Amino acid sequence: MKRFTAWRRRPWAGYAVVLAALAAIGVLYAGFTPQNDRAEAAGNAQAAEDLQNGRQLYNKNCASCHGQNGEGTKDANGKPIAPSLLGVGAASVDFQVSTGRMPAMNPGAQMPRKRPIPEFNVDVKTDYHEPEKREAAEKQKAQAEKNLADLRNYIASLGGGPAVPGAEQVDPAKGDAALGGKLFRTNCAQCHNFVGSGGALTGGKYAPPLDKSDVTPTQIYEAMLTGPQAMPVFNDTTLTPENKRDIIAYLVQTREEPNPGGNGLGRVGPVSEGLAGWLIGLGLLVLAAMWITAKKPKKLKKS
């Protein structure tokens, strides 16, 4: 006891106690929260790696037109070559790249839909019977999905913008197809046709068809949200997220409707059907008349 009392009275005893207490607190803290810290550090490292991969993909496929920092480019006369990507958001990138419109190989009045380049093509066949082929295809699809996510997240980091919609936002089963039909005819049918078959616009542009199965609900939502090319932007004030989902429900339901007469003829109604019937029917009558009159009658024999 005397030794302990004497030790306490030394000048450095207080510092030693404080250091010991801090060390004990540090050990207890490390014992209770090691996994959280490690997980957070691993998450930050993975996010930085994904962002770096997105930047590399951007430099390889986009920077030559859109600039090293997404600022856009102009020609010698100041005419824009490619627009700025600052603030376009992940939704715009996902739409343009997943539909194959970007990267643009041959820029023109409008970028057509085409098969995405292999680095971003998520529509990969994976239902092979051979395990080796199936595994390789699944690996290729997973890498393409990661590349697309990394690219859109990198561009979104440059200036924000609309995010990619979630699965619930684009689920046709949760939409009102009847209301969606009214909204579509009010806001979209002037360009895309009443059933989404598409149509011609001015200046070499056109409204693409929406009645094909390769146009996904996510892409339809992203197009309304971002307004690609000649399409206006339908923000959440003009069309609420629920309205957008209703329009998706209408388009998906319309695709599944059969064509009782055979060819749908664009599904524009009785005008095209009547015109086709008139031209085909009248044409057959003309051909029949020409065939009948072309036959030379046999001369009557003299009795």
C-alpha atoms as a PDB file:
ATOM      1  CA  MET A   1       0.000   0.000   0.000  1.00  0.00           C
ATOM      2  CA  LYS A   2       2.853   2.368   0.881  1.00  0.00           C
ATOM      3  CA  ARG A   3       4.478   1.706  -2.481  1.00  0.00           C
ATOM      4  CA  PHE A   4       1.224   2.438  -4.306  1.00  0.00           C
ATOM      5  CA  THR A   5       0.729   5.656  -2.345  1.00  0.00           C
ATOM      6  CA  ALA A   6       4.274   6.701  -3.059  1.00  0.00           C
ATOM      7  CA  TRP A   7       3.817   5.922  -6.779  1.00  0.00           C
ATOM      8  CA  ARG A   8       0.659   8.066  -6.910  1.00  0.00           C
ATOM      9  CA  ARG A   9       2.531  11.037  -5.532  1.00  0.00           C
ATOM     10  CA  ARG A  10       5.086  11.064  -8.328  1.00  0.00           C
ATOM     11  CA  PRO A  11       4.769  13.910 -10.903  1.00  0.00           C
ATOM     12  CA  TRP A  12       4.207  11.676 -13.917  1.00  0.00           C
ATOM     13  CA  ALA A  13       1.602   9.395 -12.288  1.00  0.00           C
ATOM     14  CA  GLY A  14      -1.363  11.435 -13.528  1.00  0.00           C
ATOM     15  CA  TYR A  15      -0.142  11.296 -17.126  1.00  0.00           C
ATOM     16  CA  ALA A  16       0.338   7.554 -16.879  1.00  0.00           C
ATOM     17  CA  VAL A  17      -3.215   7.058 -15.647  1.00  0.00           C
ATOM     18  CA  VAL A  18      -4.634   9.184 -18.464  1.00  0.00           C
ATOM     19  CA  LEU A  19      -2.613   7.281 -21.093  1.00  0.00           C
ATOM     20  CA  ALA A  20      -3.710   3.952 -19.644  1.00  0.00           C
ATOM     21  CA  ALA A  21      -7.352   5.039 -19.700  1.00  0.00           C
ATOM     22  CA  LEU A  22      -7.097   6.203 -23.331  1.00  0.00           C
ATOM     23  CA  ALA A  23      -5.457   2.933 -24.324  1.00  0.00           C
ATOM     24  CA  ALA A  24      -8.216   0.947 -22.619  1.00  0.00           C
ATOM     25  CA  ILE A  25     -10.919   2.983 -24.369  1.00  0.00           C
ATOM     26  CA  GLY A  26      -9.173   2.479 -27.707  1.00  0.00           C
ATOM     27  CA  VAL A  27      -8.981  -1.287 -27.178  1.00  0.00           C
ATOM     28  CA  LEU A  28     -12.652  -1.469 -26.217  1.00  0.00           C
ATOM     29  CA  TYR A  29     -13.696   0.656 -29.217  1.00  0.00           C
ATOM     30  CA  ALA A  30     -11.656  -1.457 -31.605  1.00  0.00           C
ATOM     31  CA  GLY A  31     -13.124  -4.605 -30.110  1.00  0.00           C
ATOM     32  CA  PHE A  32     -16.715  -3.501 -30.561  1.00  0.00           C
ATOM     33  CA  THR A  33     -16.517  -1.824 -34.013  1.00  0.00           C
ATOM     34  CA  PRO A  34     -13.854  -3.508 -36.140  1.00  0.00           C
ATOM     35  CA  GLN A  35     -16.215  -4.908 -38.786  1.00  0.00           C
ATOM     36  CA  ASN A  36     -18.031  -1.617 -39.377  1.00  0.00           C
ATOM     37  CA  ASP A  37     -14.806   0.290 -39.910  1.00  0.00           C
ATOM     38  CA  ARG A  38     -13.415  -2.368 -42.215  1.00  0.00           C
ATOM     39  CA  ALA A  39     -16.631  -2.574 -44.199  1.00  0.00           C
ATOM     40  CA  GLU A  40     -16.755   1.210 -44.580  1.00  0.00           C
ATOM     41  CA  ALA A  41     -13.130   1.340 -45.671  1.00  0.00           C
ATOM     42  CA  ALA A  42     -13.708  -1.501 -48.144  1.00  0.00           C
ATOM     43  CA  GLY A  43     -16.816   0.253 -49.456  1.00  0.00           C
ATOM     44  CA  ASN A  44     -14.963   3.505 -49.996  1.00  0.00           C
ATOM     45  CA  ALA A  45     -12.149   1.704 -51.761  1.00  0.00           C
ATOM     46  CA  GLN A  46     -14.604  -0.153 -54.024  1.00  0.00           C
ATOM     47  CA  ALA A  47     -16.484   3.070 -54.822  1.00  0.00           C
ATOM     48  CA  ALA A  48     -13.230   4.781 -55.774  1.00  0.00           C
ATOM     49  CA  GLU A  49     -12.290   1.814 -57.966  1.00  0.00           C
ATOM     50  CA  ASP A  50     -15.700   1.842 -59.684  1.00  0.00           C
ATOM     51  CA  LEU A  51     -15.446   5.577 -60.275  1.00  0.00           C
ATOM     52  CA  GLN A  52     -12.007   5.134 -61.801  1.00  0.00           C
ATOM     53  CA  ASN A  53     -13.341   2.407 -64.084  1.00  0.00           C
ATOM     54  CA  GLY A  54     -16.158   4.747 -65.147  1.00  0.00           C
ATOM     55  CA  ARG A  55     -13.655   7.470 -65.952  1.00  0.00           C
ATOM     56  CA  GLN A  56     -11.568   5.079 -68.057  1.00  0.00           C
ATOM     57  CA  LEU A  57     -14.668   3.963 -69.969  1.00  0.00           C
ATOM     58  CA  TYR A  58     -15.621   7.616 -70.508  1.00  0.00           C
ATOM     59  CA  ASN A  59     -12.170   8.532 -71.797  1.00  0.00           C
ATOM     60  CA  LYS A  60     -12.221   5.575 -74.162  1.00  0.00           C
ATOM     61  CA  ASN A  61     -15.737   5.915 -75.579  1.00  0.00           C
ATOM     62  CA  CYS A  62     -17.018   9.444 -74.924  1.00  0.00           C
ATOM     63  CA  ALA A  63     -14.276  12.019 -74.346  1.00  0.00           C
ATOM     64  CA  SER A  64     -13.374  12.446 -78.031  1.00  0.00           C
ATOM     65  CA  CYS A  65     -16.755  14.144 -78.628  1.00  0.00           C
ATOM     66  CA  HIS A  66     -17.966  15.313 -75.219  1.00  0.00           C
ATOM     67  CA  GLY A  67     -14.633  16.615 -73.913  1.00  0.00           C
ATOM     68  CA  GLN A  68     -12.247  15.372 -71.251  1.00  0.00           C
ATOM     69  CA  ASN A  69     -14.482  16.653 -68.442  1.00  0.00           C
ATOM     70  CA  GLY A  70     -17.888  16.341 -70.097  1.00  0.00           C
ATOM     71  CA  GLU A  71     -17.972  20.011 -71.045  1.00  0.00           C
ATOM     72  CA  GLY A  72     -18.946  19.336 -74.682  1.00  0.00           C
ATOM     73  CA  THR A  73     -17.124  20.375 -77.863  1.00  0.00           C
ATOM     74  CA  LYS A  74     -17.577  22.891 -80.683  1.00  0.00           C
ATOM     75  CA  ASP A  75     -16.178  23.259 -84.182  1.00  0.00           C
ATOM     76  CA  ALA A  76     -14.089  26.153 -85.483  1.00  0.00           C
ATOM     77  CA  ASN A  77     -17.211  28.243 -86.100  1.00  0.00           C
ATOM     78  CA  GLY A  78     -18.513  27.728 -82.581  1.00  0.00           C
ATOM     79  CA  LYS A  79     -21.215  25.287 -83.639  1.00  0.00           C
ATOM     80  CA  PRO A  80     -21.740  22.516 -81.048  1.00  0.00           C
ATOM     81  CA  ILE A  81     -20.424  19.111 -82.036  1.00  0.00           C
ATOM     82  CA  ALA A  82     -21.471  17.262 -78.909  1.00  0.00           C
ATOM     83  CA  PRO A  83     -23.440  18.661 -75.951  1.00  0.00           C
ATOM     84  CA  SER A  84     -22.192  19.048 -72.410  1.00  0.00           C
ATOM     85  CA  LEU A  85     -22.867  16.145 -70.072  1.00  0.00           C
ATOM     86  CA  LEU A  86     -22.744  18.240 -66.916  1.00  0.00           C
ATOM     87  CA  GLY A  87     -26.033  17.728 -65.106  1.00  0.00           C
ATOM     88  CA  VAL A  88     -27.571  15.229 -67.555  1.00  0.00           C
ATOM     89  CA  GLY A  89     -27.665  12.587 -64.824  1.00  0.00           C
ATOM     90  CA  ALA A  90     -27.371   8.823 -64.674  1.00  0.00           C
ATOM     91  CA  ALA A  91     -30.804   8.276 -66.266  1.00  0.00           C
ATOM     92  CA  SER A  92     -29.806  10.009 -69.498  1.00  0.00           C
ATOM     93  CA  VAL A  93     -26.550   8.056 -69.735  1.00  0.00           C
ATOM     94  CA  ASP A  94     -28.327   4.773 -69.068  1.00  0.00           C
ATOM     95  CA  PHE A  95     -30.898   5.485 -71.785  1.00  0.00           C
ATOM     96  CA  GLN A  96     -28.434   6.596 -74.459  1.00  0.00           C
ATOM     97  CA  VAL A  97     -25.893   3.830 -73.874  1.00  0.00           C
ATOM     98  CA  SER A  98     -28.269   0.923 -73.182  1.00  0.00           C
ATOM     99  CA  THR A  99     -30.169   1.650 -76.424  1.00  0.00           C
ATOM    100  CA  GLY A 100     -26.952   1.803 -78.458  1.00  0.00           C
ATOM    101  CA  ARG A 101     -27.461   5.434 -79.457  1.00  0.00           C
ATOM    102  CA  MET A 102     -24.183   6.257 -77.743  1.00  0.00           C
ATOM    103  CA  PRO A 103     -21.340   6.012 -78.481  1.00  0.00           C
ATOM    104  CA  ALA A 104     -22.428   7.473 -81.834  1.00  0.00           C
ATOM    105  CA  MET A 105     -20.613   5.969 -84.812  1.00  0.00           C
ATOM    106  CA  ASN A 106     -22.129   8.140 -87.555  1.00  0.00           C
ATOM    107  CA  PRO A 107     -23.588  11.380 -86.135  1.00  0.00           C
ATOM    108  CA  GLY A 108     -26.587  12.686 -88.064  1.00  0.00           C
ATOM    109  CA  ALA A 109     -29.926  14.410 -87.591  1.00  0.00           C
ATOM    110  CA  GLN A 110     -30.864  11.745 -85.047  1.00  0.00           C
ATOM    111  CA  MET A 111     -29.032   8.854 -83.448  1.00  0.00           C
ATOM    112  CA  PRO A 112     -30.799   5.573 -84.300  1.00  0.00           C
ATOM    113  CA  ARG A 113     -31.308   2.740 -81.863  1.00  0.00           C
ATOM    114  CA  LYS A 114     -28.828  -0.080 -82.415  1.00  0.00           C
ATOM    115  CA  ARG A 115     -27.146  -2.911 -80.599  1.00  0.00           C
ATOM    116  CA  PRO A 116     -24.938  -1.548 -77.772  1.00  0.00           C
ATOM    117  CA  ILE A 117     -21.201  -2.038 -78.046  1.00  0.00           C
ATOM    118  CA  PRO A 118     -19.963  -5.211 -76.268  1.00  0.00           C
ATOM    119  CA  GLU A 119     -18.660  -3.309 -73.246  1.00  0.00           C
ATOM    120  CA  PHE A 120     -22.190  -2.117 -72.413  1.00  0.00           C
ATOM    121  CA  ASN A 121     -24.373  -4.810 -73.982  1.00  0.00           C
ATOM    122  CA  VAL A 122     -26.378  -6.332 -71.129  1.00  0.00           C
ATOM    123  CA  ASP A 123     -28.689  -8.255 -73.477  1.00  0.00           C
ATOM    124  CA  VAL A 124     -26.508 -11.366 -73.529  1.00  0.00           C
ATOM    125  CA  LYS A 125     -27.871 -14.865 -73.990  1.00  0.00           C
ATOM    126  CA  THR A 126     -27.115 -16.917 -70.873  1.00  0.00           C
ATOM    127  CA  ASP A 127     -29.394 -19.960 -71.180  1.00  0.00           C
ATOM    128  CA  TYR A 128     -26.761 -22.278 -72.588  1.00  0.00           C
ATOM    129  CA  HIS A 129     -26.838 -25.983 -71.737  1.00  0.00           C
ATOM    130  CA  GLU A 130     -23.067 -26.209 -71.547  1.00  0.00           C
ATOM    131  CA  PRO A 131     -21.845 -25.025 -68.125  1.00  0.00           C
ATOM    132  CA  GLU A 132     -18.726 -23.395 -69.595  1.00  0.00           C
ATOM    133  CA  LYS A 133     -20.671 -21.294 -72.119  1.00  0.00           C
ATOM    134  CA  ARG A 134     -23.296 -20.350 -69.547  1.00  0.00           C
ATOM    135  CA  GLU A 135     -20.666 -19.285 -67.021  1.00  0.00           C
ATOM    136  CA  ALA A 136     -18.778 -17.234 -69.620  1.00  0.00           C
ATOM    137  CA  ALA A 137     -22.003 -15.544 -70.796  1.00  0.00           C
ATOM    138  CA  GLU A 138     -23.086 -14.719 -67.238  1.00  0.00           C
ATOM    139  CA  LYS A 139     -19.648 -13.267 -66.530  1.00  0.00           C
ATOM    140  CA  GLN A 140     -19.813 -11.146 -69.693  1.00  0.00           C
ATOM    141  CA  LYS A 141     -23.294  -9.863 -68.793  1.00  0.00           C
ATOM    142  CA  ALA A 142     -22.266  -9.023 -65.228  1.00  0.00           C
ATOM    143  CA  GLN A 143     -19.245  -7.096 -66.472  1.00  0.00           C
ATOM    144  CA  ALA A 144     -21.382  -5.158 -68.984  1.00  0.00           C
ATOM    145  CA  GLU A 145     -23.867  -4.256 -66.238  1.00  0.00           C
ATOM    146  CA  LYS A 146     -20.997  -3.082 -64.026  1.00  0.00           C
ATOM    147  CA  ASN A 147     -19.464  -1.043 -66.852  1.00  0.00           C
ATOM    148  CA  LEU A 148     -22.778   0.671 -67.555  1.00  0.00           C
ATOM    149  CA  ALA A 149     -23.309   1.431 -63.864  1.00  0.00           C
ATOM    150  CA  ASP A 150     -19.756   2.763 -63.453  1.00  0.00           C
ATOM    151  CA  LEU A 151     -20.063   5.012 -66.517  1.00  0.00           C
ATOM    152  CA  ARG A 152     -23.379   6.558 -65.521  1.00  0.00           C
ATOM    153  CA  ASN A 153     -22.211   7.057 -61.922  1.00  0.00           C
ATOM    154  CA  TYR A 154     -19.052   8.768 -63.124  1.00  0.00           C
ATOM    155  CA  ILE A 155     -20.942  11.173 -65.394  1.00  0.00           C
ATOM    156  CA  ALA A 156     -23.469  11.813 -62.620  1.00  0.00           C
ATOM    157  CA  SER A 157     -20.556  12.721 -60.331  1.00  0.00           C
ATOM    158  CA  LEU A 158     -19.624  15.547 -62.724  1.00  0.00           C
ATOM    159  CA  GLY A 159     -22.835  17.483 -62.155  1.00  0.00           C
ATOM    160  CA  GLY A 160     -25.723  15.439 -60.764  1.00  0.00           C
ATOM    161  CA  GLY A 161     -28.990  15.039 -62.637  1.00  0.00           C
ATOM    162  CA  PRO A 162     -31.905  12.552 -62.743  1.00  0.00           C
ATOM    163  CA  ALA A 163     -31.154   9.112 -61.338  1.00  0.00           C
ATOM    164  CA  VAL A 164     -32.069   5.752 -62.884  1.00  0.00           C
ATOM    165  CA  PRO A 165     -35.619   4.825 -61.793  1.00  0.00           C
ATOM    166  CA  GLY A 166     -36.133   1.910 -59.447  1.00  0.00           C
ATOM    167  CA  ALA A 167     -37.908  -1.338 -60.279  1.00  0.00           C
ATOM    168  CA  GLU A 168     -41.124  -0.266 -58.537  1.00  0.00           C
ATOM    169  CA  GLN A 169     -41.299   2.986 -60.502  1.00  0.00           C
ATOM    170  CA  VAL A 170     -41.328   1.140 -63.847  1.00  0.00           C
ATOM    171  CA  ASP A 171     -43.432  -1.890 -62.896  1.00  0.00           C
ATOM    172  CA  PRO A 172     -46.341  -2.064 -65.417  1.00  0.00           C
ATOM    173  CA  ALA A 173     -48.366  -4.259 -63.060  1.00  0.00           C
ATOM    174  CA  LYS A 174     -48.671  -1.348 -60.609  1.00  0.00           C
ATOM    175  CA  GLY A 175     -49.838   1.154 -63.224  1.00  0.00           C
ATOM    176  CA  ASP A 176     -53.301   2.112 -64.471  1.00  0.00           C
ATOM    177  CA  ALA A 177     -53.376   1.238 -68.179  1.00  0.00           C
ATOM    178  CA  ALA A 178     -56.674   3.073 -68.825  1.00  0.00           C
ATOM    179  CA  LEU A 179     -55.367   6.330 -67.356  1.00  0.00           C
ATOM    180  CA  GLY A 180     -52.036   5.718 -69.075  1.00  0.00           C
ATOM    181  CA  GLY A 181     -53.822   5.527 -72.423  1.00  0.00           C
ATOM    182  CA  LYS A 182     -55.435   8.928 -71.855  1.00  0.00           C
ATOM    183  CA  LEU A 183     -52.117  10.458 -70.798  1.00  0.00           C
ATOM    184  CA  PHE A 184     -50.324   8.922 -73.774  1.00  0.00           C
ATOM    185  CA  ARG A 185     -52.868  10.195 -76.279  1.00  0.00           C
ATOM    186  CA  THR A 186     -52.670  13.666 -74.720  1.00  0.00           C
ATOM    187  CA  ASN A 187     -48.886  13.978 -74.449  1.00  0.00           C
ATOM    188  CA  CYS A 188     -47.257  11.437 -76.773  1.00  0.00           C
ATOM    189  CA  ALA A 189     -49.546  10.293 -79.598  1.00  0.00           C
ATOM    190  CA  GLN A 190     -48.855  13.366 -81.765  1.00  0.00           C
ATOM    191  CA  CYS A 191     -45.374  11.994 -82.456  1.00  0.00           C
ATOM    192  CA  HIS A 192     -45.382   8.322 -81.437  1.00  0.00           C
ATOM    193  CA  ASN A 193     -48.791   7.371 -82.881  1.00  0.00           C
ATOM    194  CA  PHE A 194     -51.789   6.300 -80.787  1.00  0.00           C
ATOM    195  CA  VAL A 195     -50.302   2.888 -79.998  1.00  0.00           C
ATOM    196  CA  GLY A 196     -46.621   3.822 -79.985  1.00  0.00           C
ATOM    197  CA  SER A 197     -45.779   2.744 -83.542  1.00  0.00           C
ATOM    198  CA  GLY A 198     -43.635   5.844 -84.114  1.00  0.00           C
ATOM    199  CA  GLY A 199     -43.770   8.469 -86.811  1.00  0.00           C
ATOM    200  CA  ALA A 200     -41.822  10.930 -88.942  1.00  0.00           C
ATOM    201  CA  LEU A 201     -40.828  14.411 -87.755  1.00  0.00           C
ATOM    202  CA  THR A 202     -39.206  17.379 -89.480  1.00  0.00           C
ATOM    203  CA  GLY A 203     -35.536  17.831 -90.299  1.00  0.00           C
ATOM    204  CA  GLY A 204     -34.827  14.143 -90.854  1.00  0.00           C
ATOM    205  CA  LYS A 205     -35.875  13.243 -87.328  1.00  0.00           C
ATOM    206  CA  TYR A 206     -38.473  10.728 -86.223  1.00  0.00           C
ATOM    207  CA  ALA A 207     -40.261   9.447 -83.146  1.00  0.00           C
ATOM    208  CA  PRO A 208     -39.053   5.873 -82.594  1.00  0.00           C
ATOM    209  CA  PRO A 209     -41.539   3.016 -82.170  1.00  0.00           C
ATOM    210  CA  LEU A 210     -42.380   1.966 -78.625  1.00  0.00           C
ATOM    211  CA  ASP A 211     -44.328  -1.186 -79.475  1.00  0.00           C
ATOM    212  CA  LYS A 212     -41.284  -3.461 -79.622  1.00  0.00           C
ATOM    213  CA  SER A 213     -40.314  -5.712 -76.732  1.00  0.00           C
ATOM    214  CA  ASP A 214     -36.694  -4.500 -76.801  1.00  0.00           C
ATOM    215  CA  VAL A 215     -37.865  -1.085 -75.549  1.00  0.00           C
ATOM    216  CA  THR A 216     -37.831  -1.724 -71.813  1.00  0.00           C
ATOM    217  CA  PRO A 217     -40.047   0.015 -69.217  1.00  0.00           C
ATOM    218  CA  THR A 218     -36.917   1.558 -67.688  1.00  0.00           C
ATOM    219  CA  GLN A 219     -35.915   3.095 -71.016  1.00  0.00           C
ATOM    220  CA  ILE A 220     -39.432   4.513 -71.540  1.00  0.00           C
ATOM    221  CA  TYR A 221     -39.344   6.129 -68.082  1.00  0.00           C
ATOM    222  CA  GLU A 222     -35.843   7.514 -68.673  1.00  0.00           C
ATOM    223  CA  ALA A 223     -36.903   8.988 -72.028  1.00  0.00           C
ATOM    224  CA  MET A 224     -39.818  10.830 -70.404  1.00  0.00           C
ATOM    225  CA  LEU A 225     -37.550  12.008 -67.593  1.00  0.00           C
ATOM    226  CA  THR A 226     -34.659  13.264 -69.733  1.00  0.00           C
ATOM    227  CA  GLY A 227     -36.173  14.161 -73.134  1.00  0.00           C
ATOM    228  CA  PRO A 228     -33.629  12.683 -75.562  1.00  0.00           C
ATOM    229  CA  GLN A 229     -33.040  14.314 -78.963  1.00  0.00           C
ATOM    230  CA  ALA A 230     -36.308  15.846 -80.315  1.00  0.00           C
ATOM    231  CA  MET A 231     -38.418  14.675 -77.366  1.00  0.00           C
ATOM    232  CA  PRO A 232     -39.467  17.208 -74.693  1.00  0.00           C
ATOM    233  CA  VAL A 233     -38.721  16.655 -71.019  1.00  0.00           C
ATOM    234  CA  PHE A 234     -41.688  15.437 -68.961  1.00  0.00           C
ATOM    235  CA  ASN A 235     -40.529  16.265 -65.461  1.00  0.00           C
ATOM    236  CA  ASP A 236     -42.366  15.188 -62.325  1.00  0.00           C
ATOM    237  CA  THR A 237     -44.451  18.368 -62.418  1.00  0.00           C
ATOM    238  CA  THR A 238     -45.783  17.681 -65.916  1.00  0.00           C
ATOM    239  CA  LEU A 239     -46.114  13.923 -65.465  1.00  0.00           C
ATOM    240  CA  THR A 240     -45.795  12.551 -61.944  1.00  0.00           C
ATOM    241  CA  PRO A 241     -43.890   9.294 -61.371  1.00  0.00           C
ATOM    242  CA  GLU A 242     -47.250   7.541 -61.078  1.00  0.00           C
ATOM    243  CA  ASN A 243     -48.361   9.036 -64.426  1.00  0.00           C
ATOM    244  CA  LYS A 244     -45.194   7.775 -66.074  1.00  0.00           C
ATOM    245  CA  ARG A 245     -45.825   4.295 -64.705  1.00  0.00           C
ATOM    246  CA  ASP A 246     -49.409   4.438 -66.016  1.00  0.00           C
ATOM    247  CA  ILE A 247     -48.135   5.257 -69.514  1.00  0.00           C
ATOM    248  CA  ILE A 248     -45.701   2.334 -69.303  1.00  0.00           C
ATOM    249  CA  ALA A 249     -48.580   0.051 -68.283  1.00  0.00           C
ATOM    250  CA  TYR A 250     -50.599   1.210 -71.304  1.00  0.00           C
ATOM    251  CA  LEU A 251     -47.756   0.628 -73.762  1.00  0.00           C
ATOM    252  CA  VAL A 252     -46.940  -2.820 -72.389  1.00  0.00           C
ATOM    253  CA  GLN A 253     -50.615  -3.824 -72.496  1.00  0.00           C
ATOM    254  CA  THR A 254     -50.939  -2.561 -76.075  1.00  0.00           C
ATOM    255  CA  ARG A 255     -48.015  -4.725 -77.175  1.00  0.00           C
ATOM    256  CA  GLU A 256     -49.763  -7.827 -75.894  1.00  0.00           C
ATOM    257  CA  GLU A 257     -53.018  -7.165 -77.740  1.00  0.00           C
ATOM    258  CA  PRO A 258     -53.465  -9.444 -80.803  1.00  0.00           C
ATOM    259  CA  ASN A 259     -54.201  -8.285 -84.345  1.00  0.00           C
ATOM    260  CA  PRO A 260     -57.358 -10.192 -85.322  1.00  0.00           C
ATOM    261  CA  GLY A 261     -57.074  -9.188 -88.978  1.00  0.00           C
ATOM    262  CA  GLY A 262     -53.471 -10.322 -89.348  1.00  0.00           C
ATOM    263  CA  ASN A 263     -51.210  -7.362 -90.046  1.00  0.00           C
ATOM    264  CA  GLY A 264     -51.831  -4.448 -87.691  1.00  0.00           C
ATOM    265  CA  LEU A 265     -51.026  -1.827 -90.371  1.00  0.00           C
ATOM    266  CA  GLY A 266     -49.543   0.444 -87.736  1.00  0.00           C
ATOM    267  CA  ARG A 267     -52.697   0.202 -85.609  1.00  0.00           C
ATOM    268  CA  VAL A 268     -53.778   3.682 -86.636  1.00  0.00           C
ATOM    269  CA  GLY A 269     -57.424   2.689 -87.004  1.00  0.00           C
ATOM    270  CA  PRO A 270     -59.937   2.264 -89.849  1.00  0.00           C
ATOM    271  CA  VAL A 271     -58.306   4.849 -92.122  1.00  0.00           C
ATOM    272  CA  SER A 272     -55.274   2.731 -92.933  1.00  0.00           C
ATOM    273  CA  GLU A 273     -57.356  -0.442 -92.995  1.00  0.00           C
ATOM    274  CA  GLY A 274     -59.887   1.098 -95.400  1.00  0.00           C
ATOM    275  CA  LEU A 275     -57.120   2.484 -97.600  1.00  0.00           C
ATOM    276  CA  ALA A 276     -55.389  -0.907 -97.741  1.00  0.00           C
ATOM    277  CA  GLY A 277     -58.680  -2.648 -98.521  1.00  0.00           C
ATOM    278  CA  TRP A 278     -59.538  -0.113-101.229  1.00  0.00           C
ATOM    279  CA  LEU A 279     -56.152  -0.231-102.935  1.00  0.00           C
ATOM    280  CA  ILE A 280     -55.809  -4.003-102.765  1.00  0.00           C
ATOM    281  CA  GLY A 281     -59.427  -4.672-103.725  1.00  0.00           C
ATOM    282  CA  LEU A 282     -59.450  -2.139-106.552  1.00  0.00           C
ATOM    283  CA  GLY A 283     -56.083  -3.385-107.753  1.00  0.00           C
ATOM    284  CA  LEU A 284     -57.348  -6.949-107.951  1.00  0.00           C
ATOM    285  CA  LEU A 285     -60.419  -5.819-109.894  1.00  0.00           C
ATOM    286  CA  VAL A 286     -58.243  -3.910-112.370  1.00  0.00           C
ATOM    287  CA  LEU A 287     -55.970  -6.895-112.843  1.00  0.00           C
ATOM    288  CA  ALA A 288     -58.953  -9.182-113.338  1.00  0.00           C
ATOM    289  CA  ALA A 289     -60.424  -6.823-115.933  1.00  0.00           C
ATOM    290  CA  MET A 290     -57.100  -6.640-117.770  1.00  0.00           C
ATOM    291  CA  TRP A 291     -56.795 -10.415-117.778  1.00  0.00           C
ATOM    292  CA  ILE A 292     -60.317 -10.863-119.136  1.00  0.00           C
ATOM    293  CA  THR A 293     -59.948  -8.305-121.911  1.00  0.00           C
ATOM    294  CA  ALA A 294     -56.532  -9.630-122.898  1.00  0.00           C
ATOM    295  CA  LYS A 295     -57.977 -12.961-124.001  1.00  0.00           C
ATOM    296  CA  LYS A 296     -58.763 -12.985-127.704  1.00  0.00           C
ATOM    297  CA  PRO A 297     -62.201 -14.395-128.515  1.00  0.00           C
ATOM    298  CA  LYS A 298     -62.295 -17.340-130.858  1.00  0.00           C
ATOM    299  CA  LYS A 299     -63.755 -16.711-134.301  1.00  0.00           C
ATOM    300  CA  LEU A 300     -67.175 -18.178-134.790  1.00  0.00           C
ATOM    301  CA  LYS A 301     -67.198 -21.009-137.289  1.00  0.00           C
ATOM    302  CA  LYS A 302     -69.363 -20.528-140.362  1.00  0.00           C
ATOM    303  CA  SER A 303     -72.296 -22.856-140.367  1.00  0.00           C
END
